[in-house]
Amino acid sequence: MRSNRSRSVTLGFLLGALALVVVGCAEDDGEDEADQAPEEDVEAADDDDTDPDPVTLEFVTAFPEDEELNDGFWHWVEEVEEQAPWVEIEYAGGPDVMDPTQQIEGIGSGALEAGTMPGDYYVQQAPFADMMRYTPYTPAEERENGVFELYEEIHREALDVQYLGRSMAGVGQVLFLTDEQIETPNLEGLTVRTSPATEPVVTGLGGASADIPAEEIYTALERGTVDGFGWAGVGPRGFGWYEQVEYELAPRFYDSAQSIVVNADTWDELDSETQDTLMEITAEVEPEIVDIYEDIALEEVETWREEGGVELIEFTDDEAAEVLELAYGDPGWDAIDWDGIVEQTPQAEEIRDIFEEGYGDDFEDAVPGGATVTRDGE
């Protein structure tokens, strides 16, 4: 009996020990799983923080690479590279790649991926662009009052491109004369190189307009083919045109706005995070772009005065109001194919209403960047 009892005790001891081992292993497994769980959670969190897949967008510009008219665009590129490092912006070239007035068509068709150019340069393809310069608002204000969303919609429908926003804004159009010192806003007998942005005012003042490519303006002035030219308040310094004129006329008018656009299919293929980031960056830098061009416009004036001896002709308040009426009043809208624009783009009427709400009683306040830009102390 003693022997059997000893075996029973021994067997019981062994079974108890085995149970402890099994329980211990189970606890260890539980501890290991608990230890591993946070690591898996960290890995999942790390995956959520990773950048989207790399993206490359190839851009063209309407103006040569180093022209100040591209400074706003290059500022945008710098911000994209900093804030969206997975996006690479490649530069395809400027007017040497494609005629600037055809670039928007190239982007819409997919021959080009993306670009930046003045709205005036794609009036032929989309007549609504003729009215974009009439804005009295900053790009940030256009995002608040609904104009931006309407532009997005229209660019999609008319041009097959995604509109991101502005690479240039806040600089008015300026008229220059070679050697004709006029005392009143009357250009009768004078021929002025114009673009769609200046033609309505020049012809409204009795002048004749001449369509001359930018690269030929200097020679045309030098040879006396034209008596002056119209251009944005940024550019005459870089191109050297100020050397061939003697007078700048005030007031300025309209906005020299440039758009940033991407082929619609290319844009749609981007992931949503990349799309949202590019849109956010553009909205963020637009006020900075306005500041950039305000400084450049002042520097331009200094160069015109000090190096070129260009004199400012300022008309009386009543005469200046007449000039601005030609730009922003009924004569200005009648000068473009308004009926054709509305027929093709019904949203244009809503945009015009928003613009006219911003004009107020004094068109002088409607000129982005100011109707007159002078050096400090002038």
Protein backbone atom coordinates (compact mmCIF):
# COMPACT_ATOMS: atom_id res chain seq x y z
CA MET A 1 0.00 0.00 0.00
CA ARG A 2 2.80 2.34 0.77
CA SER A 3 4.37 1.64 -2.59
CA ASN A 4 1.13 2.38 -4.52
CA ARG A 5 0.55 5.52 -2.54
CA SER A 6 4.07 6.76 -3.32
CA ARG A 7 3.48 6.22 -7.06
CA SER A 8 0.20 8.15 -6.80
CA VAL A 9 1.89 11.06 -5.10
CA THR A 10 4.66 11.03 -7.62
CA LEU A 11 2.22 10.92 -10.52
CA GLY A 12 0.18 13.74 -9.00
CA PHE A 13 3.29 15.84 -8.57
CA LEU A 14 4.31 15.30 -12.19
CA LEU A 15 0.87 16.18 -13.51
CA GLY A 16 0.82 19.32 -11.40
CA ALA A 17 4.22 20.38 -12.64
CA LEU A 18 3.17 19.80 -16.25
CA ALA A 19 0.11 21.96 -15.73
CA LEU A 20 2.27 24.76 -14.39
CA VAL A 21 4.54 24.53 -17.43
CA VAL A 22 1.57 24.67 -19.81
CA VAL A 23 0.08 27.65 -18.00
CA GLY A 24 3.46 29.38 -17.94
CA CYS A 25 3.91 28.90 -21.68
CA ALA A 26 0.45 30.24 -22.32
CA GLU A 27 1.24 33.33 -20.24
CA ASP A 28 4.51 33.80 -22.08
CA ASP A 29 2.72 33.61 -25.43
CA GLY A 30 0.24 36.15 -24.20
CA GLU A 31 3.05 38.43 -23.09
CA ASP A 32 4.82 38.01 -26.45
CA GLU A 33 1.65 38.89 -28.33
CA ALA A 34 1.12 41.88 -26.07
CA ASP A 35 4.71 42.96 -26.68
CA GLN A 36 4.31 42.57 -30.46
CA ALA A 37 0.97 44.35 -30.77
CA PRO A 38 2.35 47.87 -30.19
CA GLU A 39 5.07 47.24 -32.77
CA GLU A 40 2.44 46.30 -35.33
CA ASP A 41 0.45 49.42 -34.44
CA VAL A 42 3.59 51.55 -34.88
CA GLU A 43 4.25 49.99 -38.27
CA ALA A 44 0.67 50.71 -39.32
CA ALA A 45 1.03 54.31 -38.12
CA ASP A 46 4.28 54.63 -40.04
CA ASP A 47 2.51 53.40 -43.18
CA ASP A 48 -0.16 56.10 -42.71
CA ASP A 49 2.54 58.80 -42.54
CA THR A 50 4.33 57.80 -45.73
CA ASP A 51 4.21 60.12 -48.74
CA PRO A 52 2.13 59.21 -51.80
CA ASP A 53 3.84 57.61 -54.77
CA PRO A 54 6.31 59.91 -56.58
CA VAL A 55 4.78 62.24 -59.15
CA THR A 56 6.43 64.17 -61.97
CA LEU A 57 4.71 67.10 -63.71
CA GLU A 58 6.29 68.81 -66.69
CA PHE A 59 5.53 72.51 -67.07
CA VAL A 60 5.90 75.05 -69.87
CA THR A 61 5.83 78.83 -69.45
CA ALA A 62 4.57 81.51 -71.79
CA PHE A 63 7.71 83.58 -71.20
CA PRO A 64 11.42 82.69 -71.26
CA GLU A 65 12.65 80.87 -68.18
CA ASP A 66 14.49 83.73 -66.45
CA GLU A 67 11.98 86.52 -67.14
CA GLU A 68 10.55 88.19 -64.05
CA LEU A 69 7.12 87.38 -65.40
CA ASN A 70 7.88 83.83 -64.24
CA ASP A 71 9.04 84.77 -60.71
CA GLY A 72 5.69 83.91 -59.18
CA PHE A 73 5.67 80.53 -60.86
CA TRP A 74 9.17 79.68 -59.61
CA HIS A 75 8.12 80.69 -56.10
CA TRP A 76 5.23 78.24 -56.40
CA VAL A 77 7.62 75.52 -57.59
CA GLU A 78 9.88 76.09 -54.58
CA GLU A 79 6.94 75.72 -52.21
CA VAL A 80 5.80 72.54 -53.95
CA GLU A 81 9.27 71.04 -53.65
CA GLU A 82 9.38 71.92 -49.95
CA GLN A 83 5.87 70.94 -48.91
CA ALA A 84 5.26 68.06 -51.32
CA PRO A 85 8.67 66.40 -51.77
CA TRP A 86 7.13 63.46 -53.64
CA VAL A 87 6.12 65.87 -56.45
CA GLU A 88 8.83 66.77 -58.96
CA ILE A 89 8.27 69.75 -61.23
CA GLU A 90 10.25 69.46 -64.46
CA TYR A 91 10.70 72.45 -66.75
CA ALA A 92 9.97 71.70 -70.40
CA GLY A 93 10.76 75.22 -71.63
CA GLY A 94 9.12 78.47 -72.67
CA PRO A 95 8.02 79.96 -76.00
CA ASP A 96 10.68 77.84 -77.70
CA VAL A 97 8.63 74.73 -76.94
CA MET A 98 5.35 76.04 -78.34
CA ASP A 99 3.84 79.39 -79.30
CA PRO A 100 2.53 80.86 -76.02
CA THR A 101 -0.91 81.41 -77.54
CA GLN A 102 -1.10 77.70 -78.40
CA GLN A 103 0.23 76.28 -75.13
CA ILE A 104 -3.19 76.00 -73.49
CA GLU A 105 -4.39 73.95 -76.45
CA GLY A 106 -1.32 71.73 -76.18
CA ILE A 107 -2.03 71.15 -72.48
CA GLY A 108 -5.71 70.43 -73.04
CA SER A 109 -4.94 67.90 -75.79
CA GLY A 110 -2.27 66.15 -73.71
CA ALA A 111 0.62 67.13 -75.97
CA LEU A 112 1.87 69.08 -72.95
CA GLU A 113 1.24 68.23 -69.30
CA ALA A 114 0.97 71.56 -67.54
CA GLY A 115 1.87 75.23 -67.80
CA THR A 116 1.44 78.82 -66.73
CA MET A 117 0.35 81.64 -69.01
CA PRO A 118 -1.83 84.79 -69.08
CA GLY A 119 -5.52 84.27 -69.66
CA ASP A 120 -5.21 86.74 -72.54
CA TYR A 121 -3.10 84.14 -74.34
CA TYR A 122 -5.96 81.66 -74.63
CA VAL A 123 -8.82 83.92 -75.63
CA GLN A 124 -8.80 82.32 -79.08
CA GLN A 125 -9.49 78.89 -77.61
CA ALA A 126 -11.82 80.09 -74.85
CA PRO A 127 -13.33 83.59 -75.28
CA PHE A 128 -14.29 83.77 -71.59
CA ALA A 129 -10.59 84.32 -70.80
CA ASP A 130 -11.00 87.81 -72.26
CA MET A 131 -12.80 88.86 -69.07
CA MET A 132 -10.36 87.45 -66.51
CA ARG A 133 -8.28 90.64 -66.51
CA TYR A 134 -11.34 92.71 -65.50
CA THR A 135 -11.16 91.41 -61.94
CA PRO A 136 -10.90 93.94 -59.11
CA TYR A 137 -9.99 91.17 -56.67
CA THR A 138 -6.90 89.48 -55.35
CA PRO A 139 -6.63 85.70 -55.95
CA ALA A 140 -7.47 85.10 -52.29
CA GLU A 141 -10.64 87.17 -52.62
CA GLU A 142 -11.61 85.24 -55.75
CA ARG A 143 -11.45 82.05 -53.70
CA GLU A 144 -13.81 83.58 -51.15
CA ASN A 145 -16.39 85.10 -53.49
CA GLY A 146 -16.89 82.10 -55.78
CA VAL A 147 -14.92 83.24 -58.82
CA PHE A 148 -12.25 80.58 -58.32
CA GLU A 149 -14.80 77.73 -58.37
CA LEU A 150 -16.39 79.15 -61.52
CA TYR A 151 -12.97 79.35 -63.17
CA GLU A 152 -12.32 75.72 -62.25
CA GLU A 153 -15.59 74.66 -63.84
CA ILE A 154 -15.12 76.71 -67.00
CA HIS A 155 -11.51 75.65 -67.59
CA ARG A 156 -12.62 72.02 -67.38
CA GLU A 157 -15.53 72.47 -69.76
CA ALA A 158 -13.88 74.74 -72.32
CA LEU A 159 -10.23 73.70 -72.26
CA ASP A 160 -9.91 70.23 -70.68
CA VAL A 161 -7.52 71.57 -68.06
CA GLN A 162 -7.56 71.80 -64.27
CA TYR A 163 -7.23 75.39 -63.03
CA LEU A 164 -5.09 75.60 -59.89
CA GLY A 165 -4.90 79.36 -59.43
CA ARG A 166 -2.54 82.28 -60.11
CA SER A 167 1.20 82.50 -60.72
CA MET A 168 0.98 86.27 -61.27
CA ALA A 169 -1.51 88.88 -60.08
CA GLY A 170 -1.73 92.43 -58.79
CA VAL A 171 0.03 94.20 -61.67
CA GLY A 172 -1.89 96.59 -63.91
CA GLN A 173 -1.47 97.17 -67.65
CA VAL A 174 0.55 100.22 -68.71
CA LEU A 175 0.68 102.29 -71.90
CA PHE A 176 4.00 103.78 -73.08
CA LEU A 177 4.74 106.31 -75.83
CA THR A 178 8.02 106.88 -77.65
CA ASP A 179 8.22 110.64 -78.07
CA GLU A 180 4.65 111.96 -78.24
CA GLN A 181 3.97 113.96 -75.09
CA ILE A 182 0.18 114.06 -74.98
CA GLU A 183 -1.58 116.36 -72.53
CA THR A 184 -4.98 114.70 -72.68
CA PRO A 185 -5.96 111.04 -73.09
CA ASN A 186 -6.14 111.22 -76.87
CA LEU A 187 -4.16 108.80 -79.05
CA GLU A 188 -5.51 109.88 -82.43
CA GLY A 189 -2.88 109.52 -85.13
CA LEU A 190 -0.76 107.15 -83.02
CA THR A 191 -0.17 103.44 -83.49
CA VAL A 192 0.36 101.42 -80.34
CA ARG A 193 1.41 97.80 -80.02
CA THR A 194 -1.39 96.11 -78.11
CA SER A 195 -2.61 92.78 -76.83
CA PRO A 196 -6.20 91.87 -75.94
CA ALA A 197 -5.41 93.39 -72.52
CA THR A 198 -4.76 96.88 -73.88
CA GLU A 199 -6.50 97.10 -77.24
CA PRO A 200 -9.93 98.23 -75.92
CA VAL A 201 -8.43 101.24 -74.14
CA VAL A 202 -6.07 102.20 -76.98
CA THR A 203 -8.80 102.12 -79.62
CA GLY A 204 -11.22 103.79 -77.20
CA LEU A 205 -8.75 106.69 -76.95
CA GLY A 206 -8.66 107.00 -80.73
CA GLY A 207 -5.37 105.16 -81.34
CA ALA A 208 -4.63 102.44 -83.85
CA SER A 209 -3.60 99.05 -82.51
CA ALA A 210 -0.83 96.86 -83.89
CA ASP A 211 -0.50 93.15 -83.16
CA ILE A 212 3.24 92.54 -82.78
CA PRO A 213 4.85 89.53 -81.04
CA ALA A 214 6.74 90.31 -77.86
CA GLU A 215 10.10 89.39 -79.39
CA GLU A 216 9.61 92.05 -82.09
CA ILE A 217 8.50 94.96 -79.90
CA TYR A 218 11.99 96.37 -79.30
CA THR A 219 12.75 96.52 -83.03
CA ALA A 220 9.34 97.99 -83.83
CA LEU A 221 9.94 100.79 -81.31
CA GLU A 222 13.48 101.35 -82.51
CA ARG A 223 12.42 101.66 -86.15
CA GLY A 224 9.38 103.78 -85.42
CA THR A 225 6.95 101.17 -86.71
CA VAL A 226 4.81 101.94 -83.67
CA ASP A 227 4.50 105.01 -81.45
CA GLY A 228 4.29 103.06 -78.23
CA PHE A 229 3.23 99.80 -76.63
CA GLY A 230 1.05 98.38 -73.92
CA TRP A 231 2.27 95.78 -71.44
CA ALA A 232 2.05 94.71 -67.84
CA GLY A 233 3.82 96.83 -65.23
CA VAL A 234 6.41 94.05 -65.02
CA GLY A 235 8.43 93.11 -68.10
CA PRO A 236 9.56 96.27 -69.93
CA ARG A 237 12.74 96.29 -67.85
CA GLY A 238 13.63 92.69 -68.59
CA PHE A 239 12.96 93.05 -72.30
CA GLY A 240 14.71 96.43 -72.49
CA TRP A 241 11.72 98.19 -74.08
CA TYR A 242 11.87 101.09 -71.63
CA GLU A 243 15.02 102.21 -73.46
CA GLN A 244 12.94 103.08 -76.52
CA VAL A 245 10.17 105.12 -74.90
CA GLU A 246 9.93 108.45 -73.14
CA TYR A 247 6.51 108.46 -71.47
CA GLU A 248 4.38 106.25 -69.25
CA LEU A 249 0.68 107.02 -69.07
CA ALA A 250 -1.41 106.86 -65.91
CA PRO A 251 -3.83 105.44 -64.91
CA ARG A 252 -3.06 101.77 -65.24
CA PHE A 253 -5.94 99.35 -65.74
CA TYR A 254 -6.88 95.66 -65.62
CA ASP A 255 -4.89 92.89 -63.96
CA SER A 256 -1.96 91.08 -65.53
CA ALA A 257 -3.02 87.67 -64.27
CA GLN A 258 -1.40 84.37 -65.17
CA SER A 259 -2.97 80.96 -64.61
CA ILE A 260 -1.50 77.65 -63.45
CA VAL A 261 -3.15 74.76 -65.31
CA VAL A 262 -2.71 70.99 -65.64
CA ASN A 263 -4.09 68.64 -68.28
CA ALA A 264 -7.43 67.32 -66.95
CA ASP A 265 -6.62 63.63 -67.46
CA THR A 266 -3.19 64.06 -65.89
CA TRP A 267 -4.79 65.75 -62.90
CA ASP A 268 -7.47 63.08 -62.51
CA GLU A 269 -4.80 60.37 -62.41
CA LEU A 270 -3.12 61.99 -59.39
CA ASP A 271 -4.02 60.61 -55.97
CA SER A 272 -6.33 62.74 -53.86
CA GLU A 273 -3.63 63.70 -51.36
CA THR A 274 -1.42 65.09 -54.12
CA GLN A 275 -4.34 67.00 -55.63
CA ASP A 276 -5.35 68.47 -52.27
CA THR A 277 -1.75 69.38 -51.40
CA LEU A 278 -1.12 71.19 -54.70
CA MET A 279 -4.37 73.11 -54.31
CA GLU A 280 -3.53 74.06 -50.73
CA ILE A 281 -0.03 75.19 -51.68
CA THR A 282 -1.37 77.35 -54.51
CA ALA A 283 -3.92 79.04 -52.24
CA GLU A 284 -1.21 79.58 -49.64
CA VAL A 285 1.36 81.20 -51.95
CA GLU A 286 -0.97 83.42 -54.00
CA PRO A 287 -0.84 86.29 -51.46
CA GLU A 288 2.95 85.93 -51.43
CA ILE A 289 2.97 86.11 -55.23
CA VAL A 290 1.00 89.37 -55.10
CA ASP A 291 3.63 90.77 -52.70
CA ILE A 292 6.45 89.59 -54.96
CA TYR A 293 5.05 91.44 -57.95
CA GLU A 294 4.28 94.56 -55.95
CA ASP A 295 8.00 94.79 -55.14
CA ILE A 296 9.06 94.05 -58.71
CA ALA A 297 6.64 96.66 -60.08
CA LEU A 298 8.24 99.31 -57.86
CA GLU A 299 11.70 98.22 -58.98
CA GLU A 300 10.56 98.48 -62.59
CA VAL A 301 9.44 102.07 -62.10
CA GLU A 302 12.78 102.98 -60.57
CA THR A 303 14.59 101.52 -63.57
CA TRP A 304 12.35 103.31 -66.06
CA ARG A 305 12.90 106.65 -64.33
CA GLU A 306 16.58 106.44 -63.38
CA GLU A 307 18.04 104.51 -66.29
CA GLY A 308 15.56 105.23 -69.06
CA GLY A 309 14.47 108.74 -68.15
CA VAL A 310 10.85 107.72 -68.70
CA GLU A 311 8.47 110.45 -67.52
CA LEU A 312 5.05 109.81 -65.99
CA ILE A 313 2.10 111.57 -67.60
CA GLU A 314 -0.79 111.78 -65.15
CA PHE A 315 -4.14 112.98 -66.42
CA THR A 316 -6.60 114.99 -64.38
CA ASP A 317 -9.02 113.09 -62.16
CA ASP A 318 -11.83 113.51 -64.68
CA GLU A 319 -9.61 112.43 -67.58
CA ALA A 320 -8.33 109.43 -65.63
CA ALA A 321 -11.94 108.47 -64.90
CA GLU A 322 -12.62 108.54 -68.66
CA VAL A 323 -9.76 106.12 -69.26
CA LEU A 324 -10.96 103.75 -66.54
CA GLU A 325 -14.50 103.94 -67.90
CA LEU A 326 -13.13 102.60 -71.19
CA ALA A 327 -11.63 99.68 -69.30
CA TYR A 328 -14.26 98.78 -66.69
CA GLY A 329 -17.46 100.51 -67.81
CA ASP A 330 -19.84 99.50 -70.56
CA PRO A 331 -17.36 100.51 -73.29
CA GLY A 332 -14.86 98.03 -71.86
CA TRP A 333 -17.33 95.17 -71.83
CA ASP A 334 -18.68 96.12 -75.26
CA ALA A 335 -15.13 95.97 -76.62
CA ILE A 336 -15.03 92.21 -76.10
CA ASP A 337 -17.42 89.68 -77.63
CA TRP A 338 -19.63 89.66 -74.56
CA ASP A 339 -22.64 88.04 -76.22
CA GLY A 340 -20.45 85.29 -77.67
CA ILE A 341 -18.79 84.73 -74.29
CA VAL A 342 -22.14 84.33 -72.52
CA GLU A 343 -23.45 82.02 -75.23
CA GLN A 344 -20.45 79.70 -74.87
CA THR A 345 -19.97 80.19 -71.12
CA PRO A 346 -23.16 81.10 -69.25
CA GLN A 347 -21.22 81.28 -65.96
CA ALA A 348 -19.60 84.47 -67.32
CA GLU A 349 -22.65 86.50 -66.32
CA GLU A 350 -22.26 85.47 -62.70
CA ILE A 351 -18.56 86.34 -62.79
CA ARG A 352 -19.30 89.76 -64.27
CA ASP A 353 -21.86 90.44 -61.54
CA ILE A 354 -19.27 89.57 -58.89
CA PHE A 355 -16.68 91.81 -60.59
CA GLU A 356 -19.04 94.78 -60.82
CA GLU A 357 -19.93 94.43 -57.14
CA GLY A 358 -16.24 94.95 -56.44
CA TYR A 359 -15.85 98.04 -58.66
CA GLY A 360 -17.77 100.33 -56.34
CA ASP A 361 -18.28 103.94 -57.36
CA ASP A 362 -14.65 104.61 -58.24
CA PHE A 363 -13.00 102.48 -60.89
CA GLU A 364 -9.61 103.63 -59.62
CA ASP A 365 -10.03 101.26 -56.70
CA ALA A 366 -10.66 98.40 -59.12
CA VAL A 367 -7.11 98.34 -60.49
CA PRO A 368 -5.09 95.57 -58.79
CA GLY A 369 -1.81 97.02 -57.62
CA GLY A 370 -3.05 100.60 -58.00
CA ALA A 371 -3.95 102.86 -60.90
CA THR A 372 -0.62 104.68 -60.44
CA VAL A 373 2.61 103.14 -59.20
CA THR A 374 5.37 105.58 -58.25
CA ARG A 375 8.60 105.56 -56.31
CA ASP A 376 8.56 106.66 -52.71
CA GLY A 377 8.55 110.42 -52.55
CA GLU A 378 7.18 110.95 -56.06
